Full PDB file with SEQRES, HELIX, SHEET, SSBOND, CRYST1, ORIGX, SCALE, CONECT and MASTER records, all heavy atoms in Angstrom:
SEQRES   1 A   39  ALA GLN GLY ASN GLU ILE GLY SER ALA LEU THR ALA SER          
SEQRES   2 A   39  PRO SER PHE ILE MET MET SER ILE ASP VAL TYR PRO LYS          
SEQRES   3 A   39  ALA GLN LEU SER VAL ASN HIS ASN ILE ASP THR ALA THR          
HELIX    1 AA1 ILE A   35  ALA A   38  1                                   4    
CRYST1    1.000    1.000    1.000  90.00  90.00  90.00 P 1           1          
ORIGX1      1.000000  0.000000  0.000000        0.00000                         
ORIGX2      0.000000  1.000000  0.000000        0.00000                         
ORIGX3      0.000000  0.000000  1.000000        0.00000                         
SCALE1      1.000000  0.000000  0.000000        0.00000                         
SCALE2      0.000000  1.000000  0.000000        0.00000                         
SCALE3      0.000000  0.000000  1.000000        0.00000                         
ATOM      1  N   ALA A   1       9.333  84.820  17.867  1.00  0.00           N  
ATOM      2  CA  ALA A   1      10.305  84.436  16.866  1.00  0.00           C  
ATOM      3  C   ALA A   1      11.738  84.495  17.435  1.00  0.00           C  
ATOM      4  O   ALA A   1      12.619  83.756  16.928  1.00  0.00           O  
ATOM      5  CB  ALA A   1      10.204  85.277  15.630  1.00  0.00           C  
ATOM      6  N   GLN A   2      11.955  85.294  18.444  1.00  0.00           N  
ATOM      7  CA  GLN A   2      13.272  85.390  19.083  1.00  0.00           C  
ATOM      8  C   GLN A   2      13.482  84.386  20.191  1.00  0.00           C  
ATOM      9  O   GLN A   2      14.553  84.361  20.848  1.00  0.00           O  
ATOM     10  CB  GLN A   2      13.544  86.794  19.577  1.00  0.00           C  
ATOM     11  CG  GLN A   2      13.772  87.875  18.493  1.00  0.00           C  
ATOM     12  CD  GLN A   2      12.474  88.194  17.762  1.00  0.00           C  
ATOM     13  OE1 GLN A   2      11.413  88.336  18.341  1.00  0.00           O  
ATOM     14  NE2 GLN A   2      12.583  88.264  16.437  1.00  0.00           N  
ATOM     15  N   GLY A   3      12.468  83.592  20.483  1.00  0.00           N  
ATOM     16  CA  GLY A   3      12.584  82.598  21.555  1.00  0.00           C  
ATOM     17  C   GLY A   3      12.234  83.131  22.915  1.00  0.00           C  
ATOM     18  O   GLY A   3      12.492  82.437  23.910  1.00  0.00           O  
ATOM     19  N   ASN A   4      11.661  84.325  23.005  1.00  0.00           N  
ATOM     20  CA  ASN A   4      11.248  84.875  24.287  1.00  0.00           C  
ATOM     21  C   ASN A   4       9.839  84.441  24.671  1.00  0.00           C  
ATOM     22  O   ASN A   4       8.973  84.348  23.796  1.00  0.00           O  
ATOM     23  CB  ASN A   4      11.345  86.424  24.240  1.00  0.00           C  
ATOM     24  CG  ASN A   4      12.712  86.917  23.883  1.00  0.00           C  
ATOM     25  OD1 ASN A   4      13.704  86.454  24.418  1.00  0.00           O  
ATOM     26  ND2 ASN A   4      12.777  87.869  22.947  1.00  0.00           N  
ATOM     27  N   GLU A   5       9.644  84.178  25.952  1.00  0.00           N  
ATOM     28  CA  GLU A   5       8.301  83.791  26.373  1.00  0.00           C  
ATOM     29  C   GLU A   5       7.332  84.954  26.320  1.00  0.00           C  
ATOM     30  O   GLU A   5       7.694  86.083  26.607  1.00  0.00           O  
ATOM     31  CB  GLU A   5       8.365  83.260  27.836  1.00  0.00           C  
ATOM     32  CG  GLU A   5       8.953  81.848  27.948  1.00  0.00           C  
ATOM     33  CD  GLU A   5       8.642  81.180  29.258  1.00  0.00           C  
ATOM     34  OE1 GLU A   5       7.572  81.497  29.847  1.00  0.00           O  
ATOM     35  OE2 GLU A   5       9.454  80.359  29.701  1.00  0.00           O  
ATOM     36  N   ILE A   6       6.115  84.658  25.918  1.00  0.00           N  
ATOM     37  CA  ILE A   6       5.073  85.680  25.755  1.00  0.00           C  
ATOM     38  C   ILE A   6       4.218  85.631  27.025  1.00  0.00           C  
ATOM     39  O   ILE A   6       4.003  84.597  27.614  1.00  0.00           O  
ATOM     40  CB  ILE A   6       4.233  85.430  24.542  1.00  0.00           C  
ATOM     41  CG1 ILE A   6       5.133  85.492  23.297  1.00  0.00           C  
ATOM     42  CG2 ILE A   6       3.098  86.432  24.400  1.00  0.00           C  
ATOM     43  CD1 ILE A   6       4.417  85.100  22.000  1.00  0.00           C  
ATOM     44  N   GLY A   7       3.760  86.823  27.474  1.00  0.00           N  
ATOM     45  CA  GLY A   7       3.017  86.970  28.762  1.00  0.00           C  
ATOM     46  C   GLY A   7       1.759  86.150  28.825  1.00  0.00           C  
ATOM     47  O   GLY A   7       1.339  85.468  27.911  1.00  0.00           O  
ATOM     48  N   SER A   8       1.105  86.266  30.005  1.00  0.00           N  
ATOM     49  CA  SER A   8      -0.011  85.407  30.375  1.00  0.00           C  
ATOM     50  C   SER A   8      -1.334  85.819  29.684  1.00  0.00           C  
ATOM     51  O   SER A   8      -2.359  85.191  29.950  1.00  0.00           O  
ATOM     52  CB  SER A   8      -0.211  85.412  31.877  1.00  0.00           C  
ATOM     53  OG  SER A   8      -0.401  86.761  32.338  1.00  0.00           O  
ATOM     54  N   ALA A   9      -1.324  86.845  28.869  1.00  0.00           N  
ATOM     55  CA  ALA A   9      -2.551  87.278  28.190  1.00  0.00           C  
ATOM     56  C   ALA A   9      -3.032  86.225  27.203  1.00  0.00           C  
ATOM     57  O   ALA A   9      -4.203  86.231  26.801  1.00  0.00           O  
ATOM     58  CB  ALA A   9      -2.347  88.616  27.484  1.00  0.00           C  
ATOM     59  N   LEU A  10      -2.147  85.326  26.761  1.00  0.00           N  
ATOM     60  CA  LEU A  10      -2.519  84.300  25.830  1.00  0.00           C  
ATOM     61  C   LEU A  10      -2.700  82.994  26.542  1.00  0.00           C  
ATOM     62  O   LEU A  10      -2.026  82.702  27.536  1.00  0.00           O  
ATOM     63  CB  LEU A  10      -1.424  84.128  24.755  1.00  0.00           C  
ATOM     64  CG  LEU A  10      -1.266  85.292  23.778  1.00  0.00           C  
ATOM     65  CD1 LEU A  10      -0.049  85.040  22.878  1.00  0.00           C  
ATOM     66  CD2 LEU A  10      -2.488  85.502  22.933  1.00  0.00           C  
ATOM     67  N   THR A  11      -3.593  82.153  26.069  1.00  0.00           N  
ATOM     68  CA  THR A  11      -3.822  80.827  26.635  1.00  0.00           C  
ATOM     69  C   THR A  11      -3.660  79.777  25.563  1.00  0.00           C  
ATOM     70  O   THR A  11      -3.979  80.021  24.380  1.00  0.00           O  
ATOM     71  CB  THR A  11      -5.227  80.704  27.271  1.00  0.00           C  
ATOM     72  OG1 THR A  11      -6.226  80.995  26.271  1.00  0.00           O  
ATOM     73  CG2 THR A  11      -5.371  81.713  28.430  1.00  0.00           C  
ATOM     74  N   ALA A  12      -3.201  78.612  25.944  1.00  0.00           N  
ATOM     75  CA  ALA A  12      -3.013  77.495  25.016  1.00  0.00           C  
ATOM     76  C   ALA A  12      -3.872  76.322  25.491  1.00  0.00           C  
ATOM     77  O   ALA A  12      -3.999  76.055  26.691  1.00  0.00           O  
ATOM     78  CB  ALA A  12      -1.578  77.085  24.931  1.00  0.00           C  
ATOM     79  N   SER A  13      -4.464  75.598  24.542  1.00  0.00           N  
ATOM     80  CA  SER A  13      -5.283  74.501  24.865  1.00  0.00           C  
ATOM     81  C   SER A  13      -4.879  73.283  24.010  1.00  0.00           C  
ATOM     82  O   SER A  13      -4.902  73.357  22.787  1.00  0.00           O  
ATOM     83  CB  SER A  13      -6.775  74.800  24.602  1.00  0.00           C  
ATOM     84  OG  SER A  13      -7.582  73.671  24.886  1.00  0.00           O  
ATOM     85  N   PRO A  14      -4.400  72.206  24.668  1.00  0.00           N  
ATOM     86  CA  PRO A  14      -4.240  72.064  26.133  1.00  0.00           C  
ATOM     87  C   PRO A  14      -2.933  72.740  26.603  1.00  0.00           C  
ATOM     88  O   PRO A  14      -2.117  73.092  25.788  1.00  0.00           O  
ATOM     89  CB  PRO A  14      -4.143  70.535  26.338  1.00  0.00           C  
ATOM     90  CG  PRO A  14      -3.510  70.074  25.035  1.00  0.00           C  
ATOM     91  CD  PRO A  14      -4.064  70.982  23.948  1.00  0.00           C  
ATOM     92  N   SER A  15      -2.821  72.895  27.908  1.00  0.00           N  
ATOM     93  CA  SER A  15      -1.625  73.543  28.466  1.00  0.00           C  
ATOM     94  C   SER A  15      -0.539  72.540  28.834  1.00  0.00           C  
ATOM     95  O   SER A  15       0.570  72.937  29.129  1.00  0.00           O  
ATOM     96  CB  SER A  15      -2.008  74.355  29.688  1.00  0.00           C  
ATOM     97  OG  SER A  15      -2.597  73.515  30.685  1.00  0.00           O  
ATOM     98  N   PHE A  16      -0.873  71.253  28.827  1.00  0.00           N  
ATOM     99  CA  PHE A  16       0.116  70.190  29.100  1.00  0.00           C  
ATOM    100  C   PHE A  16       0.181  69.266  27.862  1.00  0.00           C  
ATOM    101  O   PHE A  16      -0.823  68.981  27.218  1.00  0.00           O  
ATOM    102  CB  PHE A  16      -0.267  69.360  30.342  1.00  0.00           C  
ATOM    103  CG  PHE A  16       0.261  69.951  31.583  1.00  0.00           C  
ATOM    104  CD1 PHE A  16      -0.311  71.103  32.164  1.00  0.00           C  
ATOM    105  CD2 PHE A  16       1.365  69.429  32.237  1.00  0.00           C  
ATOM    106  CE1 PHE A  16       0.193  71.666  33.331  1.00  0.00           C  
ATOM    107  CE2 PHE A  16       1.868  69.979  33.412  1.00  0.00           C  
ATOM    108  CZ  PHE A  16       1.284  71.083  33.964  1.00  0.00           C  
ATOM    109  N   ILE A  17       1.374  68.795  27.557  1.00  0.00           N  
ATOM    110  CA  ILE A  17       1.653  67.939  26.420  1.00  0.00           C  
ATOM    111  C   ILE A  17       2.140  66.580  26.894  1.00  0.00           C  
ATOM    112  O   ILE A  17       3.021  66.478  27.778  1.00  0.00           O  
ATOM    113  CB  ILE A  17       2.663  68.566  25.459  1.00  0.00           C  
ATOM    114  CG1 ILE A  17       2.219  69.956  25.038  1.00  0.00           C  
ATOM    115  CG2 ILE A  17       2.867  67.669  24.232  1.00  0.00           C  
ATOM    116  CD1 ILE A  17       0.908  69.988  24.310  1.00  0.00           C  
ATOM    117  N   MET A  18       1.590  65.518  26.297  1.00  0.00           N  
ATOM    118  CA  MET A  18       2.010  64.170  26.641  1.00  0.00           C  
ATOM    119  C   MET A  18       2.998  63.704  25.553  1.00  0.00           C  
ATOM    120  O   MET A  18       2.701  63.849  24.387  1.00  0.00           O  
ATOM    121  CB  MET A  18       0.837  63.200  26.706  1.00  0.00           C  
ATOM    122  CG  MET A  18       1.171  61.824  27.198  1.00  0.00           C  
ATOM    123  SD  MET A  18       1.624  61.856  28.945  1.00  0.00           S  
ATOM    124  CE  MET A  18       2.208  60.163  29.133  1.00  0.00           C  
ATOM    125  N   MET A  19       4.147  63.151  25.973  1.00  0.00           N  
ATOM    126  CA  MET A  19       5.169  62.737  25.021  1.00  0.00           C  
ATOM    127  C   MET A  19       5.706  61.345  25.349  1.00  0.00           C  
ATOM    128  O   MET A  19       5.717  60.956  26.505  1.00  0.00           O  
ATOM    129  CB  MET A  19       6.339  63.713  25.038  1.00  0.00           C  
ATOM    130  CG  MET A  19       6.036  65.027  24.398  1.00  0.00           C  
ATOM    131  SD  MET A  19       7.086  66.343  25.050  1.00  0.00           S  
ATOM    132  CE  MET A  19       6.468  66.432  26.751  1.00  0.00           C  
ATOM    133  N   SER A  20       6.154  60.663  24.263  1.00  0.00           N  
ATOM    134  CA  SER A  20       6.887  59.425  24.418  1.00  0.00           C  
ATOM    135  C   SER A  20       8.310  59.714  23.968  1.00  0.00           C  
ATOM    136  O   SER A  20       8.546  60.206  22.843  1.00  0.00           O  
ATOM    137  CB  SER A  20       6.277  58.313  23.552  1.00  0.00           C  
ATOM    138  OG  SER A  20       4.997  57.995  24.050  1.00  0.00           O  
ATOM    139  N   ILE A  21       9.287  59.387  24.796  1.00  0.00           N  
ATOM    140  CA  ILE A  21      10.672  59.693  24.523  1.00  0.00           C  
ATOM    141  C   ILE A  21      11.480  58.401  24.401  1.00  0.00           C  
ATOM    142  O   ILE A  21      11.421  57.535  25.291  1.00  0.00           O  
ATOM    143  CB  ILE A  21      11.293  60.556  25.656  1.00  0.00           C  
ATOM    144  CG1 ILE A  21      10.512  61.876  25.799  1.00  0.00           C  
ATOM    145  CG2 ILE A  21      12.769  60.887  25.357  1.00  0.00           C  
ATOM    146  CD1 ILE A  21       9.559  61.892  26.925  1.00  0.00           C  
ATOM    147  N   ASP A  22      12.240  58.255  23.277  1.00  0.00           N  
ATOM    148  CA  ASP A  22      13.122  57.126  23.101  1.00  0.00           C  
ATOM    149  C   ASP A  22      14.520  57.504  23.545  1.00  0.00           C  
ATOM    150  O   ASP A  22      15.002  58.647  23.258  1.00  0.00           O  
ATOM    151  CB  ASP A  22      13.191  56.714  21.618  1.00  0.00           C  
ATOM    152  CG  ASP A  22      12.101  55.702  21.295  1.00  0.00           C  
ATOM    153  OD1 ASP A  22      11.437  55.222  22.229  1.00  0.00           O  
ATOM    154  OD2 ASP A  22      11.939  55.390  20.075  1.00  0.00           O  
ATOM    155  N   VAL A  23      15.190  56.615  24.241  1.00  0.00           N  
ATOM    156  CA  VAL A  23      16.574  56.829  24.665  1.00  0.00           C  
ATOM    157  C   VAL A  23      17.348  55.590  24.320  1.00  0.00           C  
ATOM    158  O   VAL A  23      17.018  54.484  24.770  1.00  0.00           O  
ATOM    159  CB  VAL A  23      16.670  57.090  26.173  1.00  0.00           C  
ATOM    160  CG1 VAL A  23      18.112  57.387  26.588  1.00  0.00           C  
ATOM    161  CG2 VAL A  23      15.772  58.258  26.598  1.00  0.00           C  
ATOM    162  N   TYR A  24      18.398  55.724  23.452  1.00  0.00           N  
ATOM    163  CA  TYR A  24      19.231  54.622  23.042  1.00  0.00           C  
ATOM    164  C   TYR A  24      20.676  55.031  23.008  1.00  0.00           C  
ATOM    165  O   TYR A  24      21.009  56.214  22.792  1.00  0.00           O  
ATOM    166  CB  TYR A  24      18.827  54.135  21.643  1.00  0.00           C  
ATOM    167  CG  TYR A  24      17.531  53.362  21.609  1.00  0.00           C  
ATOM    168  CD1 TYR A  24      16.316  53.967  21.320  1.00  0.00           C  
ATOM    169  CD2 TYR A  24      17.518  52.007  21.861  1.00  0.00           C  
ATOM    170  CE1 TYR A  24      15.150  53.243  21.269  1.00  0.00           C  
ATOM    171  CE2 TYR A  24      16.354  51.285  21.823  1.00  0.00           C  
ATOM    172  CZ  TYR A  24      15.149  51.844  21.521  1.00  0.00           C  
ATOM    173  OH  TYR A  24      13.988  51.170  21.494  1.00  0.00           O  
ATOM    174  N   PRO A  25      21.599  54.082  23.175  1.00  0.00           N  
ATOM    175  CA  PRO A  25      23.015  54.371  22.962  1.00  0.00           C  
ATOM    176  C   PRO A  25      23.286  54.753  21.512  1.00  0.00           C  
ATOM    177  O   PRO A  25      22.545  54.290  20.583  1.00  0.00           O  
ATOM    178  CB  PRO A  25      23.705  53.057  23.333  1.00  0.00           C  
ATOM    179  CG  PRO A  25      22.719  52.285  24.118  1.00  0.00           C  
ATOM    180  CD  PRO A  25      21.379  52.685  23.635  1.00  0.00           C  
ATOM    181  N   LYS A  26      24.293  55.574  21.275  1.00  0.00           N  
ATOM    182  CA  LYS A  26      24.650  55.932  19.897  1.00  0.00           C  
ATOM    183  C   LYS A  26      26.135  55.805  19.689  1.00  0.00           C  
ATOM    184  O   LYS A  26      26.944  55.767  20.655  1.00  0.00           O  
ATOM    185  CB  LYS A  26      24.159  57.351  19.589  1.00  0.00           C  
ATOM    186  CG  LYS A  26      24.909  58.476  20.297  1.00  0.00           C  
ATOM    187  CD  LYS A  26      24.334  59.826  19.896  1.00  0.00           C  
ATOM    188  CE  LYS A  26      25.091  60.967  20.595  1.00  0.00           C  
ATOM    189  NZ  LYS A  26      24.544  62.298  20.197  1.00  0.00           N  
ATOM    190  N   ALA A  27      26.525  55.737  18.429  1.00  0.00           N  
ATOM    191  CA  ALA A  27      27.924  55.557  18.075  1.00  0.00           C  
ATOM    192  C   ALA A  27      28.223  56.233  16.746  1.00  0.00           C  
ATOM    193  O   ALA A  27      27.324  56.406  15.890  1.00  0.00           O  
ATOM    194  CB  ALA A  27      28.295  54.069  18.001  1.00  0.00           C  
ATOM    195  N   GLN A  28      29.492  56.605  16.548  1.00  0.00           N  
ATOM    196  CA  GLN A  28      29.943  57.179  15.265  1.00  0.00           C  
ATOM    197  C   GLN A  28      30.623  56.093  14.439  1.00  0.00           C  
ATOM    198  O   GLN A  28      31.539  55.430  14.899  1.00  0.00           O  
ATOM    199  CB  GLN A  28      30.971  58.305  15.544  1.00  0.00           C  
ATOM    200  CG  GLN A  28      30.383  59.558  16.167  1.00  0.00           C  
ATOM    201  CD  GLN A  28      29.711  60.442  15.158  1.00  0.00           C  
ATOM    202  OE1 GLN A  28      29.918  60.312  13.963  1.00  0.00           O  
ATOM    203  NE2 GLN A  28      28.880  61.353  15.606  1.00  0.00           N  
ATOM    204  N   LEU A  29      30.082  55.843  13.247  1.00  0.00           N  
ATOM    205  CA  LEU A  29      30.640  54.813  12.359  1.00  0.00           C  
ATOM    206  C   LEU A  29      31.168  55.464  11.084  1.00  0.00           C  
ATOM    207  O   LEU A  29      30.532  56.343  10.535  1.00  0.00           O  
ATOM    208  CB  LEU A  29      29.558  53.774  12.021  1.00  0.00           C  
ATOM    209  CG  LEU A  29      28.995  52.963  13.168  1.00  0.00           C  
ATOM    210  CD1 LEU A  29      27.931  52.020  12.674  1.00  0.00           C  
ATOM    211  CD2 LEU A  29      30.060  52.208  13.907  1.00  0.00           C  
ATOM    212  N   SER A  30      32.353  55.005  10.664  1.00  0.00           N  
ATOM    213  CA  SER A  30      32.903  55.528   9.383  1.00  0.00           C  
ATOM    214  C   SER A  30      32.219  54.887   8.193  1.00  0.00           C  
ATOM    215  O   SER A  30      31.666  53.763   8.308  1.00  0.00           O  
ATOM    216  CB  SER A  30      34.395  55.258   9.350  1.00  0.00           C  
ATOM    217  OG  SER A  30      34.659  53.853   9.417  1.00  0.00           O  
ATOM    218  N   VAL A  31      32.243  55.588   7.083  1.00  0.00           N  
ATOM    219  CA  VAL A  31      31.622  55.076   5.830  1.00  0.00           C  
ATOM    220  C   VAL A  31      32.732  54.514   4.942  1.00  0.00           C  
ATOM    221  O   VAL A  31      33.719  55.227   4.658  1.00  0.00           O  
ATOM    222  CB  VAL A  31      30.848  56.203   5.108  1.00  0.00           C  
ATOM    223  CG1 VAL A  31      30.218  55.640   3.846  1.00  0.00           C  
ATOM    224  CG2 VAL A  31      29.801  56.791   6.027  1.00  0.00           C  
ATOM    225  N   ASN A  32      32.581  53.275   4.553  1.00  0.00           N  
ATOM    226  CA  ASN A  32      33.593  52.608   3.691  1.00  0.00           C  
ATOM    227  C   ASN A  32      33.671  53.291   2.365  1.00  0.00           C  
ATOM    228  O   ASN A  32      32.657  53.371   1.630  1.00  0.00           O  
ATOM    229  CB  ASN A  32      33.214  51.139   3.533  1.00  0.00           C  
ATOM    230  CG  ASN A  32      34.283  50.342   2.795  1.00  0.00           C  
ATOM    231  OD1 ASN A  32      35.136  50.902   2.130  1.00  0.00           O  
ATOM    232  ND2 ASN A  32      34.204  49.027   2.914  1.00  0.00           N  
ATOM    233  N   HIS A  33      34.874  53.786   1.970  1.00  0.00           N  
ATOM    234  CA  HIS A  33      35.026  54.444   0.682  1.00  0.00           C  
ATOM    235  C   HIS A  33      36.088  53.762  -0.175  1.00  0.00           C  
ATOM    236  O   HIS A  33      36.748  54.416  -0.991  1.00  0.00           O  
ATOM    237  CB  HIS A  33      35.346  55.945   0.875  1.00  0.00           C  
ATOM    238  CG  HIS A  33      36.583  56.192   1.673  1.00  0.00           C  
ATOM    239  ND1 HIS A  33      36.607  56.164   3.051  1.00  0.00           N  
ATOM    240  CD2 HIS A  33      37.837  56.481   1.284  1.00  0.00           C  
ATOM    241  CE1 HIS A  33      37.842  56.404   3.497  1.00  0.00           C  
ATOM    242  NE2 HIS A  33      38.594  56.620   2.410  1.00  0.00           N  
ATOM    243  N   ASN A  34      36.268  52.451   0.029  1.00  0.00           N  
ATOM    244  CA  ASN A  34      37.191  51.706  -0.800  1.00  0.00           C  
ATOM    245  C   ASN A  34      36.733  51.733  -2.263  1.00  0.00           C  
ATOM    246  O   ASN A  34      35.548  51.554  -2.552  1.00  0.00           O  
ATOM    247  CB  ASN A  34      37.228  50.251  -0.275  1.00  0.00           C  
ATOM    248  CG  ASN A  34      38.272  49.422  -1.020  1.00  0.00           C  
ATOM    249  OD1 ASN A  34      38.038  48.992  -2.136  1.00  0.00           O  
ATOM    250  ND2 ASN A  34      39.413  49.182  -0.380  1.00  0.00           N  
ATOM    251  N   ILE A  35      37.706  51.952  -3.167  1.00  0.00           N  
ATOM    252  CA  ILE A  35      37.346  52.089  -4.569  1.00  0.00           C  
ATOM    253  C   ILE A  35      36.640  50.827  -5.078  1.00  0.00           C  
ATOM    254  O   ILE A  35      35.677  50.911  -5.880  1.00  0.00           O  
ATOM    255  CB  ILE A  35      38.606  52.352  -5.414  1.00  0.00           C  
ATOM    256  CG1 ILE A  35      39.164  53.747  -5.086  1.00  0.00           C  
ATOM    257  CG2 ILE A  35      38.315  52.278  -6.902  1.00  0.00           C  
ATOM    258  CD1 ILE A  35      40.433  54.114  -5.826  1.00  0.00           C  
ATOM    259  N   ASP A  36      37.090  49.661  -4.680  1.00  0.00           N  
ATOM    260  CA  ASP A  36      36.550  48.419  -5.198  1.00  0.00           C  
ATOM    261  C   ASP A  36      35.079  48.233  -4.789  1.00  0.00           C  
ATOM    262  O   ASP A  36      34.305  47.681  -5.608  1.00  0.00           O  
ATOM    263  CB  ASP A  36      37.358  47.228  -4.679  1.00  0.00           C  
ATOM    264  CG  ASP A  36      38.799  47.257  -5.203  1.00  0.00           C  
ATOM    265  OD1 ASP A  36      38.990  47.811  -6.324  1.00  0.00           O  
ATOM    266  OD2 ASP A  36      39.688  46.703  -4.567  1.00  0.00           O  
ATOM    267  N   THR A  37      34.693  48.690  -3.594  1.00  0.00           N  
ATOM    268  CA  THR A  37      33.287  48.498  -3.165  1.00  0.00           C  
ATOM    269  C   THR A  37      32.440  49.742  -3.423  1.00  0.00           C  
ATOM    270  O   THR A  37      31.220  49.654  -3.430  1.00  0.00           O  
ATOM    271  CB  THR A  37      33.276  48.196  -1.653  1.00  0.00           C  
ATOM    272  OG1 THR A  37      33.926  49.256  -0.915  1.00  0.00           O  
ATOM    273  CG2 THR A  37      33.975  46.895  -1.366  1.00  0.00           C  
ATOM    274  N   ALA A  38      33.068  50.891  -3.657  1.00  0.00           N  
ATOM    275  CA  ALA A  38      32.311  52.128  -3.861  1.00  0.00           C  
ATOM    276  C   ALA A  38      31.790  52.313  -5.259  1.00  0.00           C  
ATOM    277  O   ALA A  38      30.822  53.060  -5.492  1.00  0.00           O  
ATOM    278  CB  ALA A  38      33.161  53.354  -3.469  1.00  0.00           C  
ATOM    279  N   THR A  39      32.359  51.575  -6.201  1.00  0.00           N  
ATOM    280  CA  THR A  39      31.969  51.745  -7.598  1.00  0.00           C  
ATOM    281  C   THR A  39      31.704  50.407  -8.273  1.00  0.00           C  
ATOM    282  O   THR A  39      32.179  49.372  -7.825  1.00  0.00           O  
ATOM    283  CB  THR A  39      33.093  52.475  -8.422  1.00  0.00           C  
ATOM    284  OG1 THR A  39      34.276  51.680  -8.415  1.00  0.00           O  
ATOM    285  CG2 THR A  39      33.375  53.846  -7.865  1.00  0.00           C  
TER     286      THR A  39                                                      
MASTER        0    0    0    1    0    0    0    6  285    1    0    3          
END                                                                             
């Protein structure tokens, strides 16, 4: 629970994980809060 690795007495099955990773550009966009369009 503290993020510390636990010793080798335990085994996990499987020991390797297959993953698909998405990588895309990102941007910060402001949210329009004009009174006329917000209500």
